[in-house]
Amino acid sequence: TILDQRVLPTQIWHVESGAGRIALTGVFW
């Protein structure tokens, strides 16, 4: 394989609330 991906998938936080997800995605954009 050309690219051997090494990720650190451990979840630090996960916001489930729709409003929270929209707010944080809004901060991103």
Full PDB file with SEQRES, HELIX, SHEET, SSBOND, CRYST1, ORIGX, SCALE, CONECT and MASTER records, all heavy atoms in Angstrom:
SEQRES   1 A   29  THR ILE LEU ASP GLN ARG VAL LEU PRO THR GLN ILE TRP          
SEQRES   2 A   29  HIS VAL GLU SER GLY ALA GLY ARG ILE ALA LEU THR GLY          
SEQRES   3 A   29  VAL PHE TRP                                                  
HELIX    1 AA1 GLY A   18  PHE A   28  1                                  11    
CRYST1    1.000    1.000    1.000  90.00  90.00  90.00 P 1           1          
ORIGX1      1.000000  0.000000  0.000000        0.00000                         
ORIGX2      0.000000  1.000000  0.000000        0.00000                         
ORIGX3      0.000000  0.000000  1.000000        0.00000                         
SCALE1      1.000000  0.000000  0.000000        0.00000                         
SCALE2      0.000000  1.000000  0.000000        0.00000                         
SCALE3      0.000000  0.000000  1.000000        0.00000                         
ATOM      1  N   THR A   1       0.857  -1.190   0.000  1.00  0.00           N  
ATOM      2  CA  THR A   1       0.000   0.000   0.000  1.00  0.00           C  
ATOM      3  C   THR A   1       0.887   1.232   0.000  1.00  0.00           C  
ATOM      4  O   THR A   1       1.927   1.273   0.677  1.00  0.00           O  
ATOM      5  CB  THR A   1      -0.927   0.046   1.229  1.00  0.00           C  
ATOM      6  OG1 THR A   1      -0.124   0.040   2.404  1.00  0.00           O  
ATOM      7  CG2 THR A   1      -1.893  -1.113   1.251  1.00  0.00           C  
ATOM      8  N   ILE A   2       0.484   2.203  -0.759  1.00  0.00           N  
ATOM      9  CA  ILE A   2       1.260   3.437  -0.865  1.00  0.00           C  
ATOM     10  C   ILE A   2       1.195   4.229   0.431  1.00  0.00           C  
ATOM     11  O   ILE A   2       2.175   4.767   0.896  1.00  0.00           O  
ATOM     12  CB  ILE A   2       0.762   4.281  -2.048  1.00  0.00           C  
ATOM     13  CG1 ILE A   2       1.081   3.543  -3.349  1.00  0.00           C  
ATOM     14  CG2 ILE A   2       1.407   5.660  -2.043  1.00  0.00           C  
ATOM     15  CD1 ILE A   2       0.526   4.203  -4.577  1.00  0.00           C  
ATOM     16  N   LEU A   3       0.024   4.293   1.018  1.00  0.00           N  
ATOM     17  CA  LEU A   3      -0.164   5.090   2.221  1.00  0.00           C  
ATOM     18  C   LEU A   3      -0.677   4.186   3.337  1.00  0.00           C  
ATOM     19  O   LEU A   3      -1.769   3.652   3.263  1.00  0.00           O  
ATOM     20  CB  LEU A   3      -1.165   6.225   1.956  1.00  0.00           C  
ATOM     21  CG  LEU A   3      -1.459   7.147   3.119  1.00  0.00           C  
ATOM     22  CD1 LEU A   3      -0.201   7.889   3.546  1.00  0.00           C  
ATOM     23  CD2 LEU A   3      -2.531   8.139   2.743  1.00  0.00           C  
ATOM     24  N   ASP A   4       0.141   4.014   4.347  1.00  0.00           N  
ATOM     25  CA  ASP A   4      -0.271   3.226   5.492  1.00  0.00           C  
ATOM     26  C   ASP A   4      -0.753   4.209   6.552  1.00  0.00           C  
ATOM     27  O   ASP A   4       0.037   4.936   7.131  1.00  0.00           O  
ATOM     28  CB  ASP A   4       0.918   2.406   5.997  1.00  0.00           C  
ATOM     29  CG  ASP A   4       0.525   1.449   7.112  1.00  0.00           C  
ATOM     30  OD1 ASP A   4      -0.680   1.213   7.284  1.00  0.00           O  
ATOM     31  OD2 ASP A   4       1.428   0.945   7.788  1.00  0.00           O  
ATOM     32  N   GLN A   5      -2.053   4.258   6.757  1.00  0.00           N  
ATOM     33  CA  GLN A   5      -2.641   5.228   7.651  1.00  0.00           C  
ATOM     34  C   GLN A   5      -2.500   4.802   9.108  1.00  0.00           C  
ATOM     35  O   GLN A   5      -2.795   3.680   9.468  1.00  0.00           O  
ATOM     36  CB  GLN A   5      -4.119   5.377   7.312  1.00  0.00           C  
ATOM     37  CG  GLN A   5      -4.589   6.763   7.357  1.00  0.00           C  
ATOM     38  CD  GLN A   5      -6.033   6.844   6.886  1.00  0.00           C  
ATOM     39  OE1 GLN A   5      -6.698   5.855   6.679  1.00  0.00           O  
ATOM     40  NE2 GLN A   5      -6.516   8.058   6.761  1.00  0.00           N  
ATOM     41  N   ARG A   6      -2.025   5.711   9.920  1.00  0.00           N  
ATOM     42  CA  ARG A   6      -1.958   5.498  11.365  1.00  0.00           C  
ATOM     43  C   ARG A   6      -2.843   6.557  12.006  1.00  0.00           C  
ATOM     44  O   ARG A   6      -2.560   7.744  11.918  1.00  0.00           O  
ATOM     45  CB  ARG A   6      -0.532   5.667  11.890  1.00  0.00           C  
ATOM     46  CG  ARG A   6       0.481   4.820  11.201  1.00  0.00           C  
ATOM     47  CD  ARG A   6       0.519   3.461  11.797  1.00  0.00           C  
ATOM     48  NE  ARG A   6       1.572   2.719  11.123  1.00  0.00           N  
ATOM     49  CZ  ARG A   6       1.618   1.436  11.083  1.00  0.00           C  
ATOM     50  NH1 ARG A   6       0.697   0.728  11.674  1.00  0.00           N  
ATOM     51  NH2 ARG A   6       2.581   0.816  10.453  1.00  0.00           N  
ATOM     52  N   VAL A   7      -3.894   6.129  12.635  1.00  0.00           N  
ATOM     53  CA  VAL A   7      -4.812   7.080  13.251  1.00  0.00           C  
ATOM     54  C   VAL A   7      -4.843   6.860  14.754  1.00  0.00           C  
ATOM     55  O   VAL A   7      -4.480   5.804  15.251  1.00  0.00           O  
ATOM     56  CB  VAL A   7      -6.240   6.950  12.671  1.00  0.00           C  
ATOM     57  CG1 VAL A   7      -6.269   7.308  11.209  1.00  0.00           C  
ATOM     58  CG2 VAL A   7      -6.797   5.565  12.888  1.00  0.00           C  
ATOM     59  N   LEU A   8      -5.272   7.893  15.445  1.00  0.00           N  
ATOM     60  CA  LEU A   8      -5.488   7.807  16.890  1.00  0.00           C  
ATOM     61  C   LEU A   8      -6.984   7.989  17.102  1.00  0.00           C  
ATOM     62  O   LEU A   8      -7.462   9.091  17.350  1.00  0.00           O  
ATOM     63  CB  LEU A   8      -4.693   8.902  17.616  1.00  0.00           C  
ATOM     64  CG  LEU A   8      -3.178   8.857  17.423  1.00  0.00           C  
ATOM     65  CD1 LEU A   8      -2.528  10.103  18.011  1.00  0.00           C  
ATOM     66  CD2 LEU A   8      -2.600   7.611  18.050  1.00  0.00           C  
ATOM     67  N   PRO A   9      -7.761   6.909  16.967  1.00  0.00           N  
ATOM     68  CA  PRO A   9      -9.215   7.028  16.929  1.00  0.00           C  
ATOM     69  C   PRO A   9      -9.906   7.169  18.284  1.00  0.00           C  
ATOM     70  O   PRO A   9     -11.116   7.359  18.324  1.00  0.00           O  
ATOM     71  CB  PRO A   9      -9.641   5.724  16.261  1.00  0.00           C  
ATOM     72  CG  PRO A   9      -8.604   4.740  16.698  1.00  0.00           C  
ATOM     73  CD  PRO A   9      -7.316   5.531  16.767  1.00  0.00           C  
ATOM     74  N   THR A  10      -9.155   7.099  19.386  1.00  0.00           N  
ATOM     75  CA  THR A  10      -9.788   7.184  20.699  1.00  0.00           C  
ATOM     76  C   THR A  10     -10.616   8.458  20.799  1.00  0.00           C  
ATOM     77  O   THR A  10     -10.126   9.549  20.516  1.00  0.00           O  
ATOM     78  CB  THR A  10      -8.718   7.182  21.816  1.00  0.00           C  
ATOM     79  OG1 THR A  10      -7.924   6.020  21.676  1.00  0.00           O  
ATOM     80  CG2 THR A  10      -9.356   7.233  23.193  1.00  0.00           C  
ATOM     81  N   GLN A  11     -11.852   8.313  21.191  1.00  0.00           N  
ATOM     82  CA  GLN A  11     -12.758   9.449  21.251  1.00  0.00           C  
ATOM     83  C   GLN A  11     -12.529  10.250  22.529  1.00  0.00           C  
ATOM     84  O   GLN A  11     -12.557   9.703  23.627  1.00  0.00           O  
ATOM     85  CB  GLN A  11     -14.189   8.942  21.180  1.00  0.00           C  
ATOM     86  CG  GLN A  11     -15.180  10.012  20.853  1.00  0.00           C  
ATOM     87  CD  GLN A  11     -16.521   9.406  20.525  1.00  0.00           C  
ATOM     88  OE1 GLN A  11     -17.189   8.902  21.406  1.00  0.00           O  
ATOM     89  NE2 GLN A  11     -16.882   9.451  19.259  1.00  0.00           N  
ATOM     90  N   ILE A  12     -12.284  11.542  22.378  1.00  0.00           N  
ATOM     91  CA  ILE A  12     -12.110  12.444  23.516  1.00  0.00           C  
ATOM     92  C   ILE A  12     -13.461  13.039  23.893  1.00  0.00           C  
ATOM     93  O   ILE A  12     -13.834  13.067  25.049  1.00  0.00           O  
ATOM     94  CB  ILE A  12     -11.097  13.563  23.200  1.00  0.00           C  
ATOM     95  CG1 ILE A  12      -9.760  12.980  22.722  1.00  0.00           C  
ATOM     96  CG2 ILE A  12     -10.920  14.501  24.393  1.00  0.00           C  
ATOM     97  CD1 ILE A  12      -9.070  12.062  23.706  1.00  0.00           C  
ATOM     98  N   TRP A  13     -14.179  13.545  22.900  1.00  0.00           N  
ATOM     99  CA  TRP A  13     -15.555  13.957  23.129  1.00  0.00           C  
ATOM    100  C   TRP A  13     -16.393  13.710  21.883  1.00  0.00           C  
ATOM    101  O   TRP A  13     -15.885  13.671  20.770  1.00  0.00           O  
ATOM    102  CB  TRP A  13     -15.687  15.394  23.617  1.00  0.00           C  
ATOM    103  CG  TRP A  13     -15.424  16.503  22.641  1.00  0.00           C  
ATOM    104  CD1 TRP A  13     -16.157  16.837  21.533  1.00  0.00           C  
ATOM    105  CD2 TRP A  13     -14.382  17.478  22.716  1.00  0.00           C  
ATOM    106  NE1 TRP A  13     -15.634  17.939  20.915  1.00  0.00           N  
ATOM    107  CE2 TRP A  13     -14.540  18.361  21.621  1.00  0.00           C  
ATOM    108  CE3 TRP A  13     -13.337  17.705  23.609  1.00  0.00           C  
ATOM    109  CZ2 TRP A  13     -13.692  19.436  21.396  1.00  0.00           C  
ATOM    110  CZ3 TRP A  13     -12.505  18.771  23.370  1.00  0.00           C  
ATOM    111  CH2 TRP A  13     -12.677  19.613  22.277  1.00  0.00           C  
ATOM    112  N   HIS A  14     -17.680  13.526  22.140  1.00  0.00           N  
ATOM    113  CA  HIS A  14     -18.659  13.320  21.068  1.00  0.00           C  
ATOM    114  C   HIS A  14     -19.931  14.009  21.514  1.00  0.00           C  
ATOM    115  O   HIS A  14     -20.520  13.646  22.523  1.00  0.00           O  
ATOM    116  CB  HIS A  14     -18.913  11.825  20.844  1.00  0.00           C  
ATOM    117  CG  HIS A  14     -20.062  11.555  19.923  1.00  0.00           C  
ATOM    118  ND1 HIS A  14     -19.982  11.707  18.566  1.00  0.00           N  
ATOM    119  CD2 HIS A  14     -21.336  11.173  20.189  1.00  0.00           C  
ATOM    120  CE1 HIS A  14     -21.154  11.417  18.026  1.00  0.00           C  
ATOM    121  NE2 HIS A  14     -21.993  11.090  18.989  1.00  0.00           N  
ATOM    122  N   VAL A  15     -20.315  15.037  20.793  1.00  0.00           N  
ATOM    123  CA  VAL A  15     -21.526  15.783  21.128  1.00  0.00           C  
ATOM    124  C   VAL A  15     -22.682  15.184  20.338  1.00  0.00           C  
ATOM    125  O   VAL A  15     -22.651  15.160  19.108  1.00  0.00           O  
ATOM    126  CB  VAL A  15     -21.345  17.285  20.802  1.00  0.00           C  
ATOM    127  CG1 VAL A  15     -22.628  18.050  21.057  1.00  0.00           C  
ATOM    128  CG2 VAL A  15     -20.193  17.858  21.606  1.00  0.00           C  
ATOM    129  N   GLU A  16     -23.668  14.679  21.063  1.00  0.00           N  
ATOM    130  CA  GLU A  16     -24.813  14.043  20.406  1.00  0.00           C  
ATOM    131  C   GLU A  16     -25.948  15.016  20.154  1.00  0.00           C  
ATOM    132  O   GLU A  16     -26.717  14.840  19.208  1.00  0.00           O  
ATOM    133  CB  GLU A  16     -25.304  12.857  21.243  1.00  0.00           C  
ATOM    134  CG  GLU A  16     -24.325  11.714  21.223  1.00  0.00           C  
ATOM    135  CD  GLU A  16     -24.885  10.463  21.890  1.00  0.00           C  
ATOM    136  OE1 GLU A  16     -26.119  10.317  21.932  1.00  0.00           O  
ATOM    137  OE2 GLU A  16     -24.071   9.661  22.354  1.00  0.00           O  
ATOM    138  N   SER A  17     -26.069  16.027  20.987  1.00  0.00           N  
ATOM    139  CA  SER A  17     -27.144  17.001  20.856  1.00  0.00           C  
ATOM    140  C   SER A  17     -27.100  17.674  19.489  1.00  0.00           C  
ATOM    141  O   SER A  17     -26.045  18.127  19.040  1.00  0.00           O  
ATOM    142  CB  SER A  17     -26.996  18.060  21.949  1.00  0.00           C  
ATOM    143  OG  SER A  17     -27.558  19.287  21.578  1.00  0.00           O  
ATOM    144  N   GLY A  18     -28.254  17.746  18.844  1.00  0.00           N  
ATOM    145  CA  GLY A  18     -28.319  18.384  17.530  1.00  0.00           C  
ATOM    146  C   GLY A  18     -27.856  19.831  17.572  1.00  0.00           C  
ATOM    147  O   GLY A  18     -27.089  20.277  16.724  1.00  0.00           O  
ATOM    148  N   ALA A  19     -28.301  20.563  18.587  1.00  0.00           N  
ATOM    149  CA  ALA A  19     -27.919  21.971  18.719  1.00  0.00           C  
ATOM    150  C   ALA A  19     -26.418  22.097  18.982  1.00  0.00           C  
ATOM    151  O   ALA A  19     -25.755  22.984  18.438  1.00  0.00           O  
ATOM    152  CB  ALA A  19     -28.718  22.632  19.829  1.00  0.00           C  
ATOM    153  N   GLY A  20     -25.893  21.221  19.814  1.00  0.00           N  
ATOM    154  CA  GLY A  20     -24.455  21.246  20.109  1.00  0.00           C  
ATOM    155  C   GLY A  20     -23.615  20.939  18.876  1.00  0.00           C  
ATOM    156  O   GLY A  20     -22.594  21.579  18.626  1.00  0.00           O  
ATOM    157  N   ARG A  21     -24.046  19.955  18.114  1.00  0.00           N  
ATOM    158  CA  ARG A  21     -23.323  19.596  16.878  1.00  0.00           C  
ATOM    159  C   ARG A  21     -23.357  20.754  15.887  1.00  0.00           C  
ATOM    160  O   ARG A  21     -22.351  21.078  15.269  1.00  0.00           O  
ATOM    161  CB  ARG A  21     -23.902  18.338  16.258  1.00  0.00           C  
ATOM    162  CG  ARG A  21     -23.651  17.081  17.073  1.00  0.00           C  
ATOM    163  CD  ARG A  21     -24.051  15.828  16.348  1.00  0.00           C  
ATOM    164  NE  ARG A  21     -23.132  15.498  15.260  1.00  0.00           N  
ATOM    165  CZ  ARG A  21     -21.931  14.941  15.418  1.00  0.00           C  
ATOM    166  NH1 ARG A  21     -21.493  14.658  16.626  1.00  0.00           N  
ATOM    167  NH2 ARG A  21     -21.187  14.661  14.378  1.00  0.00           N  
ATOM    168  N   ILE A  22     -24.527  21.377  15.762  1.00  0.00           N  
ATOM    169  CA  ILE A  22     -24.652  22.519  14.840  1.00  0.00           C  
ATOM    170  C   ILE A  22     -23.769  23.672  15.309  1.00  0.00           C  
ATOM    171  O   ILE A  22     -23.075  24.302  14.505  1.00  0.00           O  
ATOM    172  CB  ILE A  22     -26.130  22.954  14.714  1.00  0.00           C  
ATOM    173  CG1 ILE A  22     -26.902  21.892  13.928  1.00  0.00           C  
ATOM    174  CG2 ILE A  22     -26.250  24.311  14.052  1.00  0.00           C  
ATOM    175  CD1 ILE A  22     -28.405  22.076  13.953  1.00  0.00           C  
ATOM    176  N   ALA A  23     -23.766  23.934  16.620  1.00  0.00           N  
ATOM    177  CA  ALA A  23     -22.959  25.033  17.160  1.00  0.00           C  
ATOM    178  C   ALA A  23     -21.474  24.794  16.918  1.00  0.00           C  
ATOM    179  O   ALA A  23     -20.757  25.692  16.450  1.00  0.00           O  
ATOM    180  CB  ALA A  23     -23.232  25.205  18.657  1.00  0.00           C  
ATOM    181  N   LEU A  24     -20.980  23.588  17.209  1.00  0.00           N  
ATOM    182  CA  LEU A  24     -19.561  23.310  17.021  1.00  0.00           C  
ATOM    183  C   LEU A  24     -19.168  23.268  15.547  1.00  0.00           C  
ATOM    184  O   LEU A  24     -18.084  23.725  15.175  1.00  0.00           O  
ATOM    185  CB  LEU A  24     -19.174  22.014  17.726  1.00  0.00           C  
ATOM    186  CG  LEU A  24     -19.100  22.138  19.243  1.00  0.00           C  
ATOM    187  CD1 LEU A  24     -18.980  20.769  19.897  1.00  0.00           C  
ATOM    188  CD2 LEU A  24     -17.945  23.035  19.648  1.00  0.00           C  
ATOM    189  N   THR A  25     -20.044  22.758  14.710  1.00  0.00           N  
ATOM    190  CA  THR A  25     -19.775  22.783  13.277  1.00  0.00           C  
ATOM    191  C   THR A  25     -19.783  24.229  12.774  1.00  0.00           C  
ATOM    192  O   THR A  25     -18.980  24.601  11.921  1.00  0.00           O  
ATOM    193  CB  THR A  25     -20.808  21.921  12.515  1.00  0.00           C  
ATOM    194  OG1 THR A  25     -20.741  20.582  13.021  1.00  0.00           O  
ATOM    195  CG2 THR A  25     -20.529  21.905  11.024  1.00  0.00           C  
ATOM    196  N   GLY A  26     -20.661  25.044  13.353  1.00  0.00           N  
ATOM    197  CA  GLY A  26     -20.684  26.470  13.028  1.00  0.00           C  
ATOM    198  C   GLY A  26     -19.390  27.158  13.417  1.00  0.00           C  
ATOM    199  O   GLY A  26     -18.881  28.011  12.672  1.00  0.00           O  
ATOM    200  N   VAL A  27     -18.840  26.805  14.579  1.00  0.00           N  
ATOM    201  CA  VAL A  27     -17.544  27.363  15.009  1.00  0.00           C  
ATOM    202  C   VAL A  27     -16.458  26.979  14.001  1.00  0.00           C  
ATOM    203  O   VAL A  27     -15.625  27.811  13.624  1.00  0.00           O  
ATOM    204  CB  VAL A  27     -17.173  26.875  16.430  1.00  0.00           C  
ATOM    205  CG1 VAL A  27     -15.730  27.195  16.770  1.00  0.00           C  
ATOM    206  CG2 VAL A  27     -18.124  27.475  17.452  1.00  0.00           C  
ATOM    207  N   PHE A  28     -16.468  25.725  13.556  1.00  0.00           N  
ATOM    208  CA  PHE A  28     -15.519  25.247  12.560  1.00  0.00           C  
ATOM    209  C   PHE A  28     -15.581  26.110  11.295  1.00  0.00           C  
ATOM    210  O   PHE A  28     -14.565  26.641  10.834  1.00  0.00           O  
ATOM    211  CB  PHE A  28     -15.826  23.780  12.229  1.00  0.00           C  
ATOM    212  CG  PHE A  28     -15.079  23.225  11.054  1.00  0.00           C  
ATOM    213  CD1 PHE A  28     -13.787  22.759  11.198  1.00  0.00           C  
ATOM    214  CD2 PHE A  28     -15.679  23.149   9.798  1.00  0.00           C  
ATOM    215  CE1 PHE A  28     -13.098  22.235  10.111  1.00  0.00           C  
ATOM    216  CE2 PHE A  28     -15.006  22.627   8.719  1.00  0.00           C  
ATOM    217  CZ  PHE A  28     -13.704  22.167   8.868  1.00  0.00           C  
ATOM    218  N   TRP A  29     -16.776  26.260  10.726  1.00  0.00           N  
ATOM    219  CA  TRP A  29     -16.919  27.026   9.483  1.00  0.00           C  
ATOM    220  C   TRP A  29     -16.677  28.514   9.691  1.00  0.00           C  
ATOM    221  O   TRP A  29     -16.127  29.196   8.815  1.00  0.00           O  
ATOM    222  CB  TRP A  29     -18.273  26.760   8.833  1.00  0.00           C  
ATOM    223  CG  TRP A  29     -18.316  25.403   8.221  1.00  0.00           C  
ATOM    224  CD1 TRP A  29     -19.058  24.334   8.634  1.00  0.00           C  
ATOM    225  CD2 TRP A  29     -17.541  24.937   7.107  1.00  0.00           C  
ATOM    226  NE1 TRP A  29     -18.796  23.235   7.838  1.00  0.00           N  
ATOM    227  CE2 TRP A  29     -17.874  23.585   6.892  1.00  0.00           C  
ATOM    228  CE3 TRP A  29     -16.595  25.533   6.275  1.00  0.00           C  
ATOM    229  CZ2 TRP A  29     -17.298  22.818   5.880  1.00  0.00           C  
ATOM    230  CZ3 TRP A  29     -16.027  24.775   5.261  1.00  0.00           C  
ATOM    231  CH2 TRP A  29     -16.375  23.442   5.072  1.00  0.00           C  
TER     232      TRP A  29                                                      
MASTER        0    0    0    1    0    0    0    6  231    1    0    3          
END                                                                             
